[in-house]
């Protein structure tokens, strides 16, 4: 078996109907994985599943509904016999300024991006602990969660929280299952299409999918890309606030 192969693995992708999730599904299917595909859009998932080689299954899911998630986890486990990896990519994004926040939109973003990640994590842990082979959960943060930037709220705050969740999961549960944190930079998706500013070092979802598919197999907890862009932001985070916040105040969203 090749080092980058996913042959005989059963992988659940949440947020698979478009963008990075759909591209990752295509990449993992080519590498031999059998997929459980989840999102809210049945039509898009059905189209995706029918375009892939293999016996993949669609499971419609709203990540804000904790009870439904538990039932979906049980259904996937019953269908495939085990779940080797769970990749949580569900997210919504609406660019807003802090002084013009919309409370209902803010709640929706928090419910999907953050509460959804908690809901999925809570539902899969009991299943993972019953399995004989060590499983993996990958949560999608963002470089937007590294440091507060203008125009990125409340999305950035939810991604900072997901980063923290992944770190806590690793600290508490690394002996029971593997934890990965996915930290994309700018990727051309329906979410980034909402931005009206120039996005540096933009990559295509297919490139992001390759980075994720390779990274899930490595020992490092974080899968971040593109490397030049993420390195610059990581360096910014190392600076004292007196310097880093002076820089971020000059960024125009």
Protein backbone atom coordinates (compact mmCIF):
# COMPACT_ATOMS: atom_id res chain seq x y z
CA UNK A 1 0.00 0.00 0.00
CA UNK A 2 1.34 3.46 -0.89
CA UNK A 3 2.18 5.81 1.96
CA UNK A 4 -0.48 8.33 0.85
CA UNK A 5 -3.20 5.72 0.25
CA UNK A 6 -6.52 5.56 2.08
CA UNK A 7 -7.45 2.11 0.80
CA UNK A 8 -9.89 0.26 3.09
CA UNK A 9 -10.51 3.38 5.23
CA UNK A 10 -13.97 4.71 6.07
CA UNK A 11 -13.96 8.51 6.33
CA UNK A 12 -16.79 10.88 7.27
CA UNK A 13 -16.57 14.34 5.68
CA UNK A 14 -18.90 16.94 7.17
CA UNK A 15 -19.40 19.96 4.94
CA UNK A 16 -18.82 17.96 1.77
CA UNK A 17 -21.31 19.65 -0.57
CA UNK A 18 -18.97 22.35 -1.92
CA UNK A 19 -15.61 24.07 -1.62
CA UNK A 20 -12.82 22.33 0.26
CA UNK A 21 -15.12 19.55 1.46
CA UNK A 22 -16.16 18.49 -2.04
CA UNK A 23 -12.57 18.72 -3.30
CA UNK A 24 -11.36 16.62 -0.36
CA UNK A 25 -14.01 13.99 -1.09
CA UNK A 26 -12.75 13.70 -4.67
CA UNK A 27 -9.12 13.50 -3.49
CA UNK A 28 -9.75 10.85 -0.83
CA UNK A 29 -11.93 8.77 -3.15
CA UNK A 30 -9.11 8.69 -5.72
CA UNK A 31 -6.79 7.50 -2.94
CA UNK A 32 -9.08 4.59 -2.14
CA UNK A 33 -11.22 5.79 0.77
CA UNK A 34 -14.87 4.92 1.24
CA UNK A 35 -16.74 8.05 2.23
CA UNK A 36 -19.72 9.12 4.29
CA UNK A 37 -20.69 12.52 2.89
CA UNK A 38 -22.63 15.00 5.01
CA UNK A 39 -24.02 18.50 4.61
CA UNK A 40 -27.46 20.07 4.48
CA UNK A 41 -27.78 19.99 0.69
CA UNK A 42 -28.97 16.55 -0.48
CA UNK A 43 -28.90 17.44 -4.18
CA UNK A 44 -25.26 18.56 -4.09
CA UNK A 45 -24.20 15.53 -2.05
CA UNK A 46 -26.00 13.14 -4.40
CA UNK A 47 -24.27 14.73 -7.40
CA UNK A 48 -20.91 14.45 -5.66
CA UNK A 49 -21.42 10.83 -4.61
CA UNK A 50 -22.51 9.79 -8.11
CA UNK A 51 -19.39 11.41 -9.61
CA UNK A 52 -17.02 9.35 -7.44
CA UNK A 53 -15.79 5.82 -7.98
CA UNK A 54 -16.62 3.60 -5.03
CA UNK A 55 -19.48 2.76 -2.70
CA UNK A 56 -19.93 6.12 -0.96
CA UNK A 57 -22.98 7.07 1.10
CA UNK A 58 -24.82 10.34 1.70
CA UNK A 59 -26.04 11.33 5.17
CA UNK A 60 -27.92 14.63 5.30
CA UNK A 61 -26.94 16.57 8.40
CA UNK A 62 -27.50 19.85 10.21
CA UNK A 63 -24.56 20.22 12.60
CA UNK A 64 -26.58 22.48 14.90
CA UNK A 65 -28.90 19.55 15.76
CA UNK A 66 -27.01 17.52 18.38
CA UNK A 67 -29.61 14.74 18.58
CA UNK A 68 -29.56 14.18 14.82
CA UNK A 69 -25.76 14.05 14.84
CA UNK A 70 -25.78 11.20 17.36
CA UNK A 71 -28.20 9.27 15.16
CA UNK A 72 -26.09 9.96 12.07
CA UNK A 73 -22.90 8.75 13.77
CA UNK A 74 -24.66 5.54 14.75
CA UNK A 75 -26.02 5.09 11.22
CA UNK A 76 -22.59 5.58 9.63
CA UNK A 77 -20.99 3.18 12.10
CA UNK A 78 -23.69 0.59 11.41
CA UNK A 79 -23.27 1.02 7.64
CA UNK A 80 -19.49 0.72 7.47
CA UNK A 81 -18.68 -1.15 10.69
CA UNK A 82 -16.27 1.54 11.87
CA UNK A 83 -15.30 5.18 11.31
CA UNK A 84 -11.58 5.68 10.73
CA UNK A 85 -11.55 9.46 10.34
CA UNK A 86 -13.98 12.34 10.82
CA UNK A 87 -13.21 15.61 9.02
CA UNK A 88 -15.31 18.57 10.21
CA UNK A 89 -15.38 21.26 7.51
CA UNK A 90 -18.87 22.71 7.98
CA UNK A 91 -18.75 26.50 8.17
CA UNK A 92 -20.54 29.71 7.29
CA UNK A 93 -18.98 33.12 6.84
CA UNK A 94 -20.44 36.60 6.59
CA UNK A 95 -17.89 39.45 6.74
CA UNK A 96 -18.94 42.05 9.30
CA UNK A 97 -17.43 44.97 11.13
CA UNK A 98 -17.57 44.90 14.92
CA UNK A 99 -19.66 48.09 15.01
CA UNK A 100 -22.19 46.63 12.55
CA UNK A 101 -22.76 43.12 13.87
CA UNK A 102 -26.07 41.40 13.16
CA UNK A 103 -27.08 39.37 16.24
CA UNK A 104 -29.03 36.72 14.30
CA UNK A 105 -26.22 36.20 11.79
CA UNK A 106 -23.66 36.09 14.59
CA UNK A 107 -25.67 33.36 16.33
CA UNK A 108 -25.92 31.33 13.12
CA UNK A 109 -22.16 31.51 12.56
CA UNK A 110 -21.44 30.46 16.14
CA UNK A 111 -24.03 27.66 16.01
CA UNK A 112 -22.55 26.11 12.86
CA UNK A 113 -18.82 26.83 13.11
CA UNK A 114 -18.32 26.32 16.83
CA UNK A 115 -21.31 24.59 18.43
CA UNK A 116 -21.40 22.26 15.43
CA UNK A 117 -17.78 21.26 16.08
CA UNK A 118 -18.63 20.55 19.73
CA UNK A 119 -21.73 18.57 18.73
CA UNK A 120 -19.80 16.35 16.33
CA UNK A 121 -16.92 15.86 18.76
CA UNK A 122 -19.27 14.87 21.57
CA UNK A 123 -21.07 12.39 19.31
CA UNK A 124 -18.03 10.61 17.88
CA UNK A 125 -15.94 10.16 21.04
CA UNK A 126 -18.05 7.27 22.42
CA UNK A 127 -17.85 5.51 19.04
CA UNK A 128 -14.10 6.02 18.83
CA UNK A 129 -13.61 4.50 22.27
CA UNK A 130 -15.44 1.31 21.28
CA UNK A 131 -13.36 0.70 18.16
CA UNK A 132 -10.34 -1.59 18.13
CA UNK A 133 -8.35 0.63 15.75
CA UNK A 134 -7.34 4.18 16.64
CA UNK A 135 -9.55 6.75 14.91
CA UNK A 136 -8.99 10.39 14.01
CA UNK A 137 -10.95 13.63 14.18
CA UNK A 138 -9.89 16.68 12.17
CA UNK A 139 -11.43 20.05 12.99
CA UNK A 140 -11.19 22.96 10.58
CA UNK A 141 -9.98 26.17 12.12
CA UNK A 142 -8.49 28.92 9.97
CA UNK A 143 -5.57 31.28 9.95
CA UNK A 144 -8.33 33.84 10.61
CA UNK A 145 -8.38 32.37 14.12
CA UNK A 146 -4.68 33.01 14.75
CA UNK A 147 -5.11 36.70 15.60
CA UNK A 148 -7.91 39.28 15.50
CA UNK A 149 -8.04 41.08 12.15
CA UNK A 150 -10.35 43.84 10.92
CA UNK A 151 -13.57 42.80 9.18
CA UNK A 152 -13.40 39.13 10.10
CA UNK A 153 -15.85 38.84 12.97
CA UNK A 154 -17.62 36.82 14.18
CA UNK A 155 -16.14 34.13 11.88
CA UNK A 156 -12.60 34.67 13.20
CA UNK A 157 -13.72 34.32 16.81
CA UNK A 158 -15.37 30.96 16.08
CA UNK A 159 -12.23 29.72 14.35
CA UNK A 160 -10.05 30.83 17.28
CA UNK A 161 -12.37 28.80 19.50
CA UNK A 162 -12.12 25.74 17.22
CA UNK A 163 -8.31 25.99 17.42
CA UNK A 164 -8.60 25.99 21.21
CA UNK A 165 -11.00 23.03 21.10
CA UNK A 166 -8.57 21.00 18.97
CA UNK A 167 -5.72 21.82 21.36
CA UNK A 168 -7.78 20.73 24.35
CA UNK A 169 -8.88 17.55 22.59
CA UNK A 170 -5.26 16.70 21.87
CA UNK A 171 -4.23 17.38 25.46
CA UNK A 172 -7.02 15.23 26.90
CA UNK A 173 -7.64 12.49 24.36
CA UNK A 174 -4.51 11.91 22.24
CA UNK A 175 -4.10 8.45 23.79
CA UNK A 176 -7.60 7.45 22.68
CA UNK A 177 -7.72 8.94 19.18
CA UNK A 178 -5.71 11.16 16.87
CA UNK A 179 -6.53 14.87 16.63
CA UNK A 180 -5.81 17.14 13.68
CA UNK A 181 -6.32 20.89 13.28
CA UNK A 182 -6.78 22.17 9.73
CA UNK A 183 -5.76 25.82 9.29
CA UNK A 184 -6.34 27.05 5.73
CA UNK A 185 -5.31 30.42 4.41
CA UNK A 186 -7.34 31.91 1.57
CA UNK A 187 -8.93 29.20 -0.58
CA UNK A 188 -11.18 30.01 -3.53
CA UNK A 189 -14.60 28.84 -2.29
CA UNK A 190 -18.15 30.22 -2.05
CA UNK A 191 -17.14 31.59 1.37
CA UNK A 192 -14.13 33.63 0.20
CA UNK A 193 -16.13 34.80 -2.82
CA UNK A 194 -17.93 37.07 -0.32
CA UNK A 195 -14.78 39.09 0.31
CA UNK A 196 -14.36 42.38 -1.55
CA UNK A 197 -10.63 42.76 -0.87
CA UNK A 198 -7.53 41.25 -2.46
CA UNK A 199 -6.72 37.96 -0.74
CA UNK A 200 -2.99 37.17 -0.67
CA UNK A 201 -1.62 33.79 -1.78
CA UNK A 202 -5.04 32.43 -2.75
CA UNK A 203 -5.10 28.74 -3.65
CA UNK A 204 -7.69 26.50 -5.29
CA UNK A 205 -9.78 23.97 -3.31
CA UNK A 206 -8.04 21.10 -5.12
CA UNK A 207 -4.69 22.29 -3.75
CA UNK A 208 -6.18 22.55 -0.27
CA UNK A 209 -7.56 19.02 -0.60
CA UNK A 210 -4.12 17.62 -1.41
CA UNK A 211 -2.62 19.44 1.59
CA UNK A 212 -5.30 18.03 3.89
CA UNK A 213 -5.14 14.51 2.48
CA UNK A 214 -1.36 14.46 2.93
CA UNK A 215 -1.53 16.09 6.36
CA UNK A 216 -4.06 13.68 7.84
CA UNK A 217 -1.42 10.96 7.50
CA UNK A 218 1.36 12.87 9.25
CA UNK A 219 2.19 13.02 12.97
CA UNK A 220 1.94 16.81 13.30
CA UNK A 221 -1.32 18.03 14.82
CA UNK A 222 -1.70 21.06 12.52
CA UNK A 223 -2.25 21.03 8.76
CA UNK A 224 -1.69 24.62 7.65
CA UNK A 225 -1.36 26.05 4.13
CA UNK A 226 -0.13 27.77 2.06
CA UNK A 227 3.04 27.56 4.13
CA UNK A 228 4.50 30.98 3.26
CA UNK A 229 1.30 32.77 4.25
CA UNK A 230 0.74 30.79 7.44
CA UNK A 231 4.38 31.29 8.45
CA UNK A 232 3.97 35.06 8.20
CA UNK A 233 0.84 35.01 10.37
CA UNK A 234 2.48 32.68 12.91
CA UNK A 235 5.38 35.14 13.12
CA UNK A 236 2.92 38.00 13.66
CA UNK A 237 1.38 36.05 16.56
CA UNK A 238 4.78 35.72 18.22
CA UNK A 239 5.19 39.48 18.47
CA UNK A 240 4.15 41.31 21.64
CA UNK A 241 0.76 43.02 21.43
CA UNK A 242 2.43 46.42 21.31
CA UNK A 243 3.80 45.45 17.89
CA UNK A 244 1.28 42.95 16.50
CA UNK A 245 -1.77 45.11 17.16
CA UNK A 246 -0.04 48.12 15.67
CA UNK A 247 0.37 46.08 12.47
CA UNK A 248 -3.18 44.70 12.42
CA UNK A 249 -4.66 48.17 12.88
CA UNK A 250 -3.10 49.12 9.51
CA UNK A 251 -4.68 46.21 7.65
CA UNK A 252 -7.63 47.20 5.49
CA UNK A 253 -10.37 44.59 5.12
